[in-house]
Amino acid sequence: MKEGPDIALIGALIGDPARANMLTALMSGKALTASELAGEAGVTLQTASSHLSKLETARLIRLRKQGRHRYFSLSGDDVGSVLEALMGLAAKYGHTRARTGPKDPALRKARVCYNHLAGELGVRLYDSLKKHRHIREKDDEVLLTDAGSVFVRSFGIDITTLGHARRPMCRSCLDWSARRTHMAGSLGIAFLDRFYDLGWAKRVDGSRVVSFSPQGEENFLKTFQL
C-alpha cells in the first residue's frame, strides 16, 4: 500500500450520487436534518442515515444537536472549497445532471458558496478588489494590502475581528459557473454579511440564490467598480 493521503476514500464518499446530493445541499451553509437531506438525495431516511454516518466518520460533515433535533452541516471551509472546485470541473467539461432551468441564471449571478458570495457578482467583487490593489496575489496566497485595509474599514467591516478568526482572512475560491476566482475566507464571509446588513441583498428561502434588490445591485456595482 502506498503512503500518503487516501484520496480514493474521499473520492468514493463524495462520488456516491446520494451523498453528492446531500453535500451539495449543505453548500447553502445551512444545517439540515437527516429527513431534509434524505429528500435532497431522493432516498429513504434509513438509507440517508447510513450515508450520513459515513460522511461524519470521514469528518466531511459534523452533527449538531439542539434539543431533540439533529442537524448536519459541512465540517469546514475546506470541504466547501473542494466541492465547489469539483462542481467547476464538472461544469467545465459539460458533466451536468439536468437541463438548464429557470433558477440557473439566478444561481450564476449571485449565490452562496458555503458562507461567502459566489457567481458573477462574487467574481466582480474579487476582480474589483484586485484591480484597485486592495488585495494582491502572491503564489497561492491572497493578501489584503494596506489600501485594502482602509477600504474594508470604510465599508464597515471590523478588520481586527477578522484577524482573530481561525480561518484565513483572504482566500481564493474557484467559481464553478464563472470558472474564475471569487473571494472566500473570513473577509469573503464578512462582505456577504455586510451586504445583508446594508439591505442590498437577501437569501432566497430554500435556495442558494442571493437576491440583490435593484438599489442594492446599483450600490454594489458603484462600490466594486471595474
Protein backbone atom coordinates (compact mmCIF):
# COMPACT_ATOMS: atom_id res chain seq x y z
CA MET A 1 0.00 0.00 0.00
CA LYS A 2 1.35 3.42 -0.93
CA GLU A 3 1.80 6.03 1.76
CA GLY A 4 0.11 9.41 1.81
CA PRO A 5 -3.41 10.87 1.84
CA ASP A 6 -6.16 8.46 0.82
CA ILE A 7 -7.85 10.48 -1.92
CA ALA A 8 -9.60 7.33 -3.16
CA LEU A 9 -11.58 7.16 0.09
CA ILE A 10 -12.63 10.82 -0.11
CA GLY A 11 -13.43 10.44 -3.81
CA ALA A 12 -15.62 7.41 -3.16
CA LEU A 13 -17.51 9.18 -0.38
CA ILE A 14 -18.20 12.28 -2.46
CA GLY A 15 -18.76 10.31 -5.66
CA ASP A 16 -21.84 8.42 -4.49
CA PRO A 17 -24.87 10.19 -6.11
CA ALA A 18 -26.92 10.30 -2.91
CA ARG A 19 -24.03 11.60 -0.81
CA ALA A 20 -23.11 14.09 -3.54
CA ASN A 21 -26.65 15.48 -3.43
CA MET A 22 -26.50 15.76 0.35
CA LEU A 23 -23.17 17.56 0.30
CA THR A 24 -24.36 19.91 -2.42
CA ALA A 25 -27.43 20.75 -0.34
CA LEU A 26 -25.16 21.61 2.60
CA MET A 27 -23.26 24.07 0.39
CA SER A 28 -26.04 26.52 1.25
CA GLY A 29 -24.30 26.91 4.60
CA LYS A 30 -27.46 25.87 6.44
CA ALA A 31 -27.60 22.96 8.85
CA LEU A 32 -30.15 20.39 7.68
CA THR A 33 -31.84 17.43 9.30
CA ALA A 34 -31.48 13.83 8.14
CA SER A 35 -35.06 13.96 6.80
CA GLU A 36 -34.31 17.08 4.77
CA LEU A 37 -31.13 15.54 3.39
CA ALA A 38 -32.97 12.31 2.56
CA GLY A 39 -35.35 14.42 0.47
CA GLU A 40 -32.44 16.13 -1.28
CA ALA A 41 -30.86 12.78 -2.05
CA GLY A 42 -34.10 11.04 -3.04
CA VAL A 43 -33.53 8.16 -0.62
CA THR A 44 -35.26 6.78 2.45
CA LEU A 45 -34.45 8.13 5.89
CA GLN A 46 -32.77 4.84 6.83
CA THR A 47 -30.53 4.97 3.77
CA ALA A 48 -29.78 8.64 4.41
CA SER A 49 -28.72 7.85 7.98
CA SER A 50 -26.25 5.28 6.69
CA HIS A 51 -24.76 7.79 4.24
CA LEU A 52 -24.56 10.49 6.89
CA SER A 53 -22.78 8.14 9.27
CA LYS A 54 -20.08 7.50 6.66
CA LEU A 55 -19.65 11.20 5.93
CA GLU A 56 -19.47 12.02 9.62
CA THR A 57 -16.90 9.27 10.27
CA ALA A 58 -14.75 10.74 7.49
CA ARG A 59 -15.23 14.20 9.09
CA LEU A 60 -16.68 15.71 5.93
CA ILE A 61 -19.77 16.75 7.89
CA ARG A 62 -20.49 17.38 11.54
CA LEU A 63 -23.52 16.72 13.69
CA ARG A 64 -25.12 19.38 15.84
CA LYS A 65 -27.74 18.51 18.45
CA GLN A 66 -30.32 21.03 19.58
CA GLY A 67 -32.84 19.56 21.95
CA ARG A 68 -34.43 16.57 20.25
CA HIS A 69 -33.29 17.72 16.83
CA ARG A 70 -30.15 16.66 15.00
CA TYR A 71 -28.67 18.88 12.32
CA PHE A 72 -25.86 18.25 9.86
CA SER A 73 -23.52 20.75 8.24
CA LEU A 74 -20.24 20.71 6.33
CA SER A 75 -17.31 20.33 8.69
CA GLY A 76 -15.42 23.34 7.38
CA ASP A 77 -14.46 25.75 4.61
CA ASP A 78 -12.00 23.30 3.08
CA VAL A 79 -14.79 20.80 2.35
CA GLY A 80 -16.88 23.54 0.74
CA SER A 81 -13.91 24.60 -1.40
CA VAL A 82 -13.32 21.06 -2.64
CA LEU A 83 -16.99 20.65 -3.54
CA GLU A 84 -17.07 24.00 -5.36
CA ALA A 85 -13.92 23.04 -7.30
CA LEU A 86 -15.44 19.69 -8.30
CA MET A 87 -18.62 21.47 -9.42
CA GLY A 88 -16.45 23.80 -11.52
CA LEU A 89 -14.63 20.87 -13.10
CA ALA A 90 -17.90 19.11 -13.90
CA ALA A 91 -19.44 22.23 -15.40
CA LYS A 92 -16.30 22.98 -17.44
CA TYR A 93 -16.44 19.64 -19.23
CA GLY A 94 -20.20 19.52 -19.62
CA HIS A 95 -20.95 16.93 -16.94
CA THR A 96 -24.32 18.28 -15.86
CA ARG A 97 -27.19 16.27 -14.44
CA ALA A 98 -30.10 18.35 -15.63
CA ARG A 99 -31.13 20.80 -18.30
CA THR A 100 -30.68 24.47 -17.57
CA GLY A 101 -33.79 25.64 -15.73
CA PRO A 102 -35.30 28.96 -14.68
CA LYS A 103 -33.31 29.09 -11.45
CA ASP A 104 -29.94 28.67 -13.13
CA PRO A 105 -29.47 32.31 -14.26
CA ALA A 106 -30.06 33.46 -10.69
CA LEU A 107 -27.53 30.93 -9.37
CA ARG A 108 -24.97 32.07 -11.92
CA LYS A 109 -25.48 35.72 -10.99
CA ALA A 110 -25.19 35.52 -7.20
CA ARG A 111 -25.31 32.61 -4.80
CA VAL A 112 -23.92 31.36 -1.53
CA CYS A 113 -20.83 29.18 -1.72
CA TYR A 114 -20.95 27.67 1.77
CA ASN A 115 -20.67 31.04 3.55
CA HIS A 116 -19.46 33.62 1.04
CA LEU A 117 -20.66 35.24 -2.20
CA ALA A 118 -20.17 33.34 -5.46
CA GLY A 119 -21.43 33.76 -9.02
CA GLU A 120 -20.92 36.69 -11.38
CA LEU A 121 -21.18 39.27 -8.61
CA GLY A 122 -18.80 37.30 -6.41
CA VAL A 123 -16.25 37.27 -9.23
CA ARG A 124 -16.77 41.01 -9.76
CA LEU A 125 -16.11 41.65 -6.07
CA TYR A 126 -12.79 39.80 -6.28
CA ASP A 127 -11.77 41.42 -9.59
CA SER A 128 -12.58 44.89 -8.26
CA LEU A 129 -10.54 44.38 -5.09
CA LYS A 130 -7.64 43.16 -7.20
CA LYS A 131 -7.91 45.95 -9.79
CA HIS A 132 -7.86 48.66 -7.12
CA ARG A 133 -4.96 46.92 -5.34
CA HIS A 134 -6.97 46.20 -2.24
CA ILE A 135 -5.72 42.63 -2.47
CA ARG A 136 -2.70 41.09 -4.12
CA GLU A 137 -1.88 37.57 -5.13
CA LYS A 138 1.39 36.04 -4.03
CA ASP A 139 2.00 32.48 -5.19
CA ASP A 140 -1.10 30.66 -3.91
CA GLU A 141 -1.92 33.29 -1.28
CA VAL A 142 -4.29 36.25 -1.39
CA LEU A 143 -3.16 39.14 0.81
CA LEU A 144 -5.03 42.24 1.96
CA THR A 145 -2.97 45.38 1.25
CA ASP A 146 -2.76 48.48 3.42
CA ALA A 147 -5.05 50.27 0.98
CA GLY A 148 -7.37 47.29 1.19
CA SER A 149 -7.49 47.51 4.97
CA VAL A 150 -8.54 51.16 4.70
CA PHE A 151 -11.22 50.30 2.15
CA VAL A 152 -12.59 47.38 4.16
CA ARG A 153 -12.83 49.50 7.31
CA SER A 154 -14.56 52.29 5.38
CA PHE A 155 -17.10 49.72 4.21
CA GLY A 156 -17.99 48.95 7.82
CA ILE A 157 -16.08 45.71 8.35
CA ASP A 158 -14.02 45.21 11.53
CA ILE A 159 -10.56 44.12 10.39
CA THR A 160 -9.42 43.36 13.94
CA THR A 161 -12.12 40.74 14.41
CA LEU A 162 -11.25 39.10 11.10
CA GLY A 163 -7.60 38.91 12.08
CA HIS A 164 -8.51 36.80 15.11
CA ALA A 165 -10.61 34.32 13.11
CA ARG A 166 -9.33 30.76 12.80
CA ARG A 167 -9.81 30.71 9.02
CA PRO A 168 -7.53 32.72 6.66
CA MET A 169 -8.62 36.32 6.16
CA CYS A 170 -8.39 36.14 2.37
CA ARG A 171 -8.70 33.01 0.29
CA SER A 172 -9.46 32.50 -3.38
CA CYS A 173 -12.17 30.03 -4.40
CA LEU A 174 -12.78 28.75 -7.92
CA ASP A 175 -16.29 29.60 -9.10
CA TRP A 176 -17.97 26.65 -10.86
CA SER A 177 -20.28 28.77 -13.02
CA ALA A 178 -17.96 31.64 -13.97
CA ARG A 179 -14.87 29.39 -13.81
CA ARG A 180 -12.98 32.28 -12.30
CA THR A 181 -11.99 33.28 -8.78
CA HIS A 182 -14.20 34.72 -6.07
CA MET A 183 -13.35 35.77 -2.50
CA ALA A 184 -13.58 33.29 0.36
CA GLY A 185 -12.00 33.30 3.82
CA SER A 186 -13.17 35.41 6.73
CA LEU A 187 -13.18 38.54 4.54
CA GLY A 188 -15.44 36.87 1.98
CA ILE A 189 -17.86 35.94 4.77
CA ALA A 190 -17.73 39.47 6.19
CA PHE A 191 -18.52 41.05 2.81
CA LEU A 192 -21.60 38.87 2.32
CA ASP A 193 -22.81 39.57 5.86
CA ARG A 194 -22.31 43.28 5.24
CA PHE A 195 -24.41 43.14 2.06
CA TYR A 196 -27.19 41.60 4.13
CA ASP A 197 -26.82 44.18 6.89
CA LEU A 198 -26.98 47.05 4.40
CA GLY A 199 -30.15 45.60 2.91
CA TRP A 200 -28.53 45.25 -0.50
CA ALA A 201 -29.27 41.53 -0.74
CA LYS A 202 -31.03 38.64 0.95
CA ARG A 203 -31.05 34.87 0.74
CA VAL A 204 -33.88 33.27 -1.23
CA ASP A 205 -35.64 30.76 1.03
CA GLY A 206 -34.83 27.14 0.23
CA SER A 207 -32.15 28.10 -2.28
CA ARG A 208 -28.51 29.09 -2.56
CA VAL A 209 -29.54 32.17 -4.55
CA VAL A 210 -28.56 35.59 -3.18
CA SER A 211 -31.05 38.14 -4.49
CA PHE A 212 -29.90 41.76 -4.76
CA SER A 213 -32.53 44.47 -4.81
CA PRO A 214 -32.31 46.91 -7.77
CA GLN A 215 -30.93 49.62 -5.48
CA GLY A 216 -28.66 47.13 -3.75
CA GLU A 217 -27.19 45.94 -7.03
CA GLU A 218 -26.68 49.54 -8.15
CA ASN A 219 -24.81 50.30 -4.91
CA PHE A 220 -22.78 47.10 -5.29
CA LEU A 221 -21.71 47.97 -8.85
CA LYS A 222 -20.76 51.51 -7.82
CA THR A 223 -18.75 50.31 -4.85
CA PHE A 224 -16.95 47.49 -6.66
CA GLN A 225 -16.15 49.10 -9.98
CA LEU A 226 -14.13 47.61 -12.78
